N, C-alpha and C. Protein backbone atom coordinates (compact mmCIF):
# COMPACT_ATOMS: atom_id res chain seq x y z
N UNK A 1 -27.34 5.92 18.02
CA UNK A 1 -26.34 5.05 17.48
C UNK A 1 -24.97 5.51 17.99
N UNK A 2 -24.18 4.56 18.35
CA UNK A 2 -22.88 4.87 18.93
C UNK A 2 -21.81 4.88 17.84
N UNK A 3 -21.03 5.94 17.81
CA UNK A 3 -19.96 6.09 16.84
C UNK A 3 -18.71 5.40 17.37
N UNK A 4 -17.98 4.75 16.52
CA UNK A 4 -16.75 4.07 16.89
C UNK A 4 -15.57 4.83 16.29
N UNK A 5 -14.76 5.43 17.14
CA UNK A 5 -13.65 6.25 16.68
C UNK A 5 -12.58 5.42 15.98
N UNK A 6 -12.21 4.28 16.55
CA UNK A 6 -11.15 3.48 15.97
C UNK A 6 -11.53 2.96 14.58
N UNK A 7 -12.76 2.55 14.41
CA UNK A 7 -13.22 2.07 13.11
C UNK A 7 -13.18 3.16 12.06
N UNK A 8 -13.59 4.36 12.44
CA UNK A 8 -13.55 5.47 11.50
C UNK A 8 -12.12 5.88 11.20
N UNK A 9 -11.29 5.86 12.21
CA UNK A 9 -9.88 6.20 12.01
C UNK A 9 -9.22 5.21 11.07
N UNK A 10 -9.50 3.93 11.24
CA UNK A 10 -8.93 2.92 10.36
C UNK A 10 -9.48 3.03 8.94
N UNK A 11 -10.73 3.37 8.81
CA UNK A 11 -11.32 3.51 7.48
C UNK A 11 -10.67 4.64 6.70
N UNK A 12 -10.32 5.69 7.38
CA UNK A 12 -9.72 6.83 6.71
C UNK A 12 -8.23 6.69 6.47
N UNK A 13 -7.54 5.88 7.28
CA UNK A 13 -6.08 5.81 7.18
C UNK A 13 -5.54 4.44 6.77
N UNK A 14 -6.38 3.45 6.60
CA UNK A 14 -5.90 2.12 6.26
C UNK A 14 -5.08 2.08 4.97
N UNK A 15 -5.47 2.78 3.90
CA UNK A 15 -4.62 2.75 2.70
C UNK A 15 -3.21 3.30 2.94
N UNK A 16 -3.10 4.31 3.78
CA UNK A 16 -1.78 4.86 4.09
C UNK A 16 -0.96 3.88 4.92
N UNK A 17 -1.62 3.11 5.77
CA UNK A 17 -0.92 2.08 6.54
C UNK A 17 -0.47 0.93 5.63
N UNK A 18 -1.28 0.62 4.63
CA UNK A 18 -0.88 -0.40 3.65
C UNK A 18 0.33 0.08 2.87
N UNK A 19 0.33 1.35 2.49
CA UNK A 19 1.47 1.93 1.79
C UNK A 19 2.73 1.87 2.67
N UNK A 20 2.61 2.23 3.92
CA UNK A 20 3.76 2.19 4.84
C UNK A 20 4.25 0.76 5.03
N UNK A 21 3.34 -0.18 5.14
CA UNK A 21 3.74 -1.58 5.30
C UNK A 21 4.44 -2.10 4.05
N UNK A 22 3.94 -1.71 2.88
CA UNK A 22 4.59 -2.11 1.64
C UNK A 22 5.98 -1.51 1.54
N UNK A 23 6.11 -0.24 1.86
CA UNK A 23 7.41 0.43 1.81
C UNK A 23 8.41 -0.26 2.72
N UNK A 24 8.02 -0.46 3.97
CA UNK A 24 8.93 -1.10 4.93
C UNK A 24 9.21 -2.55 4.54
N UNK A 25 8.18 -3.26 4.16
CA UNK A 25 8.35 -4.67 3.82
C UNK A 25 9.22 -4.89 2.60
N UNK A 26 9.08 -4.05 1.60
CA UNK A 26 9.87 -4.24 0.39
C UNK A 26 11.34 -3.96 0.64
N UNK A 27 11.64 -2.94 1.40
CA UNK A 27 13.04 -2.65 1.66
C UNK A 27 13.65 -3.62 2.66
N UNK A 28 12.87 -4.13 3.58
CA UNK A 28 13.36 -5.18 4.48
C UNK A 28 13.63 -6.46 3.70
N UNK A 29 12.76 -6.77 2.75
CA UNK A 29 12.94 -7.96 1.93
C UNK A 29 14.21 -7.86 1.09
N UNK A 30 14.46 -6.71 0.48
CA UNK A 30 15.68 -6.54 -0.31
C UNK A 30 16.90 -6.60 0.60
N UNK A 31 16.82 -6.00 1.77
CA UNK A 31 17.95 -6.05 2.70
C UNK A 31 18.20 -7.48 3.18
N UNK A 32 17.15 -8.23 3.40
CA UNK A 32 17.31 -9.62 3.83
C UNK A 32 17.90 -10.48 2.72
N UNK A 33 17.55 -10.17 1.49
CA UNK A 33 18.10 -10.94 0.38
C UNK A 33 19.55 -10.57 0.11
N UNK A 34 19.94 -9.34 0.40
CA UNK A 34 21.30 -8.89 0.10
C UNK A 34 22.27 -9.06 1.26
N UNK A 35 21.81 -9.46 2.41
CA UNK A 35 22.73 -9.64 3.53
C UNK A 35 23.56 -10.91 3.30
N UNK A 36 24.77 -10.97 3.87
CA UNK A 36 25.62 -12.14 3.66
C UNK A 36 24.97 -13.44 4.13
N UNK A 37 24.21 -13.38 5.18
CA UNK A 37 23.54 -14.58 5.68
C UNK A 37 22.07 -14.59 5.28
N UNK A 38 21.77 -13.93 4.19
CA UNK A 38 20.38 -13.81 3.74
C UNK A 38 19.80 -15.13 3.28
N UNK A 39 18.49 -15.14 3.16
CA UNK A 39 17.83 -16.37 2.77
C UNK A 39 17.98 -16.65 1.28
N UNK A 40 18.41 -15.66 0.50
CA UNK A 40 18.64 -15.85 -0.93
C UNK A 40 19.88 -15.08 -1.33
N UNK A 41 21.06 -15.65 -1.12
CA UNK A 41 22.28 -14.91 -1.47
C UNK A 41 22.36 -14.65 -2.97
N UNK A 42 23.07 -13.60 -3.29
CA UNK A 42 23.18 -13.21 -4.69
C UNK A 42 22.29 -12.02 -4.98
N UNK A 43 21.78 -11.98 -6.16
CA UNK A 43 20.92 -10.87 -6.57
C UNK A 43 19.54 -10.99 -5.92
N UNK A 44 18.92 -9.87 -5.61
CA UNK A 44 17.57 -9.95 -5.05
C UNK A 44 16.57 -10.46 -6.08
N UNK A 45 15.69 -11.29 -5.63
CA UNK A 45 14.66 -11.85 -6.52
C UNK A 45 13.50 -10.87 -6.61
N UNK A 46 12.98 -10.71 -7.78
CA UNK A 46 11.91 -9.74 -8.00
C UNK A 46 10.52 -10.33 -7.77
N UNK A 47 10.38 -11.64 -7.81
CA UNK A 47 9.06 -12.24 -7.65
C UNK A 47 8.42 -11.93 -6.30
N UNK A 48 9.13 -12.08 -5.16
CA UNK A 48 8.49 -11.70 -3.90
C UNK A 48 8.12 -10.23 -3.84
N UNK A 49 8.96 -9.38 -4.44
CA UNK A 49 8.64 -7.95 -4.48
C UNK A 49 7.41 -7.69 -5.33
N UNK A 50 7.31 -8.38 -6.44
CA UNK A 50 6.15 -8.22 -7.32
C UNK A 50 4.87 -8.69 -6.62
N UNK A 51 4.96 -9.82 -5.93
CA UNK A 51 3.78 -10.33 -5.23
C UNK A 51 3.35 -9.39 -4.11
N UNK A 52 4.33 -8.87 -3.38
CA UNK A 52 4.00 -7.93 -2.31
C UNK A 52 3.37 -6.66 -2.87
N UNK A 53 3.91 -6.17 -3.97
CA UNK A 53 3.37 -4.96 -4.59
C UNK A 53 1.97 -5.20 -5.13
N UNK A 54 1.75 -6.32 -5.79
CA UNK A 54 0.41 -6.61 -6.31
C UNK A 54 -0.61 -6.78 -5.19
N UNK A 55 -0.20 -7.39 -4.09
CA UNK A 55 -1.12 -7.55 -2.96
C UNK A 55 -1.48 -6.19 -2.36
N UNK A 56 -0.49 -5.32 -2.20
CA UNK A 56 -0.76 -3.99 -1.65
C UNK A 56 -1.62 -3.16 -2.59
N UNK A 57 -1.36 -3.25 -3.90
CA UNK A 57 -2.19 -2.53 -4.86
C UNK A 57 -3.62 -3.06 -4.87
N UNK A 58 -3.77 -4.37 -4.73
CA UNK A 58 -5.11 -4.96 -4.70
C UNK A 58 -5.88 -4.51 -3.46
N UNK A 59 -5.20 -4.42 -2.33
CA UNK A 59 -5.87 -3.96 -1.10
C UNK A 59 -6.32 -2.52 -1.26
N UNK A 60 -5.45 -1.66 -1.80
CA UNK A 60 -5.83 -0.26 -1.99
C UNK A 60 -6.93 -0.11 -3.03
N UNK A 61 -6.90 -0.93 -4.08
CA UNK A 61 -7.97 -0.88 -5.07
C UNK A 61 -9.30 -1.33 -4.46
N UNK A 62 -9.26 -2.35 -3.62
CA UNK A 62 -10.49 -2.80 -2.94
C UNK A 62 -11.03 -1.73 -2.00
N UNK A 63 -10.13 -1.04 -1.30
CA UNK A 63 -10.57 0.04 -0.41
C UNK A 63 -11.12 1.21 -1.20
N UNK A 64 -10.55 1.50 -2.36
CA UNK A 64 -11.09 2.56 -3.21
C UNK A 64 -12.46 2.16 -3.77
N UNK A 65 -12.61 0.89 -4.12
CA UNK A 65 -13.90 0.41 -4.63
C UNK A 65 -14.96 0.50 -3.53
N UNK A 66 -14.56 0.20 -2.32
CA UNK A 66 -15.49 0.27 -1.19
C UNK A 66 -15.93 1.72 -0.92
N UNK A 67 -15.05 2.67 -1.17
CA UNK A 67 -15.34 4.07 -0.90
C UNK A 67 -15.77 4.84 -2.15
N UNK A 68 -16.17 4.15 -3.19
CA UNK A 68 -16.48 4.79 -4.46
C UNK A 68 -17.69 5.70 -4.43
N UNK A 69 -18.54 5.59 -3.45
CA UNK A 69 -19.73 6.44 -3.40
C UNK A 69 -19.38 7.91 -3.17
N UNK A 70 -18.16 8.18 -2.72
CA UNK A 70 -17.73 9.57 -2.53
C UNK A 70 -17.59 10.27 -3.87
N UNK A 71 -17.34 9.51 -4.93
CA UNK A 71 -17.19 10.11 -6.26
C UNK A 71 -18.49 10.12 -7.05
N UNK A 72 -19.58 9.72 -6.41
CA UNK A 72 -20.86 9.64 -7.10
C UNK A 72 -21.55 10.98 -7.28
N UNK A 73 -21.05 12.01 -6.66
CA UNK A 73 -21.65 13.33 -6.81
C UNK A 73 -22.80 13.59 -5.86
N UNK A 74 -22.99 12.73 -4.88
CA UNK A 74 -24.05 12.94 -3.90
C UNK A 74 -23.67 14.12 -3.00
N UNK A 75 -24.60 15.02 -2.79
CA UNK A 75 -24.29 16.21 -1.99
C UNK A 75 -24.24 15.91 -0.49
N UNK A 76 -24.65 14.72 -0.08
CA UNK A 76 -24.65 14.36 1.34
C UNK A 76 -23.50 13.42 1.68
N UNK A 77 -22.47 13.45 0.90
CA UNK A 77 -21.32 12.61 1.16
C UNK A 77 -20.56 13.15 2.36
N UNK A 78 -20.26 12.28 3.28
CA UNK A 78 -19.58 12.68 4.51
C UNK A 78 -18.09 12.87 4.26
N UNK A 79 -17.47 13.61 5.15
CA UNK A 79 -16.04 13.85 5.05
C UNK A 79 -15.26 12.55 5.15
N UNK A 80 -15.73 11.63 5.96
CA UNK A 80 -15.05 10.35 6.09
C UNK A 80 -15.06 9.57 4.78
N UNK A 81 -16.15 9.66 4.03
CA UNK A 81 -16.20 8.99 2.73
C UNK A 81 -15.17 9.57 1.77
N UNK A 82 -15.05 10.89 1.76
CA UNK A 82 -14.04 11.54 0.92
C UNK A 82 -12.64 11.16 1.37
N UNK A 83 -12.41 11.15 2.67
CA UNK A 83 -11.09 10.79 3.19
C UNK A 83 -10.73 9.35 2.83
N UNK A 84 -11.68 8.44 2.97
CA UNK A 84 -11.42 7.04 2.64
C UNK A 84 -11.11 6.87 1.16
N UNK A 85 -11.86 7.55 0.31
CA UNK A 85 -11.66 7.42 -1.13
C UNK A 85 -10.33 8.05 -1.56
N UNK A 86 -10.05 9.23 -1.08
CA UNK A 86 -8.84 9.92 -1.51
C UNK A 86 -7.58 9.29 -0.93
N UNK A 87 -7.63 8.79 0.30
CA UNK A 87 -6.45 8.11 0.83
C UNK A 87 -6.23 6.77 0.12
N UNK A 88 -7.30 6.13 -0.34
CA UNK A 88 -7.13 4.90 -1.12
C UNK A 88 -6.42 5.20 -2.44
N UNK A 89 -6.81 6.28 -3.10
CA UNK A 89 -6.13 6.67 -4.33
C UNK A 89 -4.69 7.10 -4.06
N UNK A 90 -4.48 7.83 -2.98
CA UNK A 90 -3.13 8.25 -2.62
C UNK A 90 -2.26 7.04 -2.27
N UNK A 91 -2.81 6.10 -1.53
CA UNK A 91 -2.06 4.90 -1.20
C UNK A 91 -1.72 4.08 -2.44
N UNK A 92 -2.66 3.97 -3.39
CA UNK A 92 -2.41 3.25 -4.64
C UNK A 92 -1.27 3.91 -5.41
N UNK A 93 -1.33 5.24 -5.54
CA UNK A 93 -0.28 5.95 -6.26
C UNK A 93 1.05 5.86 -5.52
N UNK A 94 1.02 5.94 -4.21
CA UNK A 94 2.25 5.84 -3.42
C UNK A 94 2.90 4.48 -3.53
N UNK A 95 2.10 3.43 -3.54
CA UNK A 95 2.65 2.08 -3.67
C UNK A 95 3.25 1.90 -5.06
N UNK A 96 2.56 2.38 -6.08
CA UNK A 96 3.10 2.29 -7.43
C UNK A 96 4.41 3.07 -7.55
N UNK A 97 4.46 4.26 -6.98
CA UNK A 97 5.66 5.09 -7.05
C UNK A 97 6.79 4.49 -6.21
N UNK A 98 6.48 3.95 -5.06
CA UNK A 98 7.49 3.36 -4.19
C UNK A 98 8.10 2.11 -4.82
N UNK A 99 7.34 1.40 -5.60
CA UNK A 99 7.84 0.15 -6.17
C UNK A 99 8.70 0.37 -7.41
N UNK A 100 8.74 1.55 -7.97
CA UNK A 100 9.52 1.80 -9.18
C UNK A 100 11.01 1.51 -8.98
N UNK A 101 11.67 2.01 -7.92
CA UNK A 101 13.10 1.69 -7.78
C UNK A 101 13.38 0.21 -7.56
N UNK A 102 12.42 -0.51 -7.01
CA UNK A 102 12.65 -1.93 -6.75
C UNK A 102 12.76 -2.74 -8.04
N UNK A 103 12.16 -2.25 -9.11
CA UNK A 103 12.23 -2.98 -10.38
C UNK A 103 13.59 -2.83 -11.04
N UNK A 104 14.37 -1.84 -10.62
CA UNK A 104 15.67 -1.59 -11.22
C UNK A 104 16.83 -2.13 -10.39
N UNK A 105 16.55 -2.82 -9.32
CA UNK A 105 17.59 -3.40 -8.49
C UNK A 105 18.16 -4.61 -9.23
N UNK A 106 19.40 -4.48 -9.67
CA UNK A 106 20.02 -5.59 -10.41
C UNK A 106 20.91 -6.44 -9.52
N UNK A 107 21.61 -5.81 -8.62
CA UNK A 107 22.51 -6.59 -7.78
C UNK A 107 22.64 -5.89 -6.43
N UNK A 108 23.19 -6.62 -5.50
CA UNK A 108 23.43 -6.06 -4.18
C UNK A 108 24.75 -5.30 -4.21
N UNK A 109 24.79 -4.20 -3.50
CA UNK A 109 26.01 -3.37 -3.50
C UNK A 109 27.09 -3.96 -2.64
């Protein structure tokens, strides 16, 4: 059987990429809303931020559910299974932590 490096690499790091995309996307969205020629002048709207955060959390939760067999206590669990499960949990926590300041944005500076 042929091993696919890119597939394994994505399986282990996809939650961290989702976290990075959420981080960049949320701050780009706030910057776009607060720019003088922004698509929504005035205060930044929280609904797009909430939807982006919920989508990223749902993706990380789905990836954690997919990798749940690593927490089953099986002694033959591969390192990739542990990496996929733990990075999914790390990505979920990182997205939740990254979104905390966005909820307190009241106005543009």
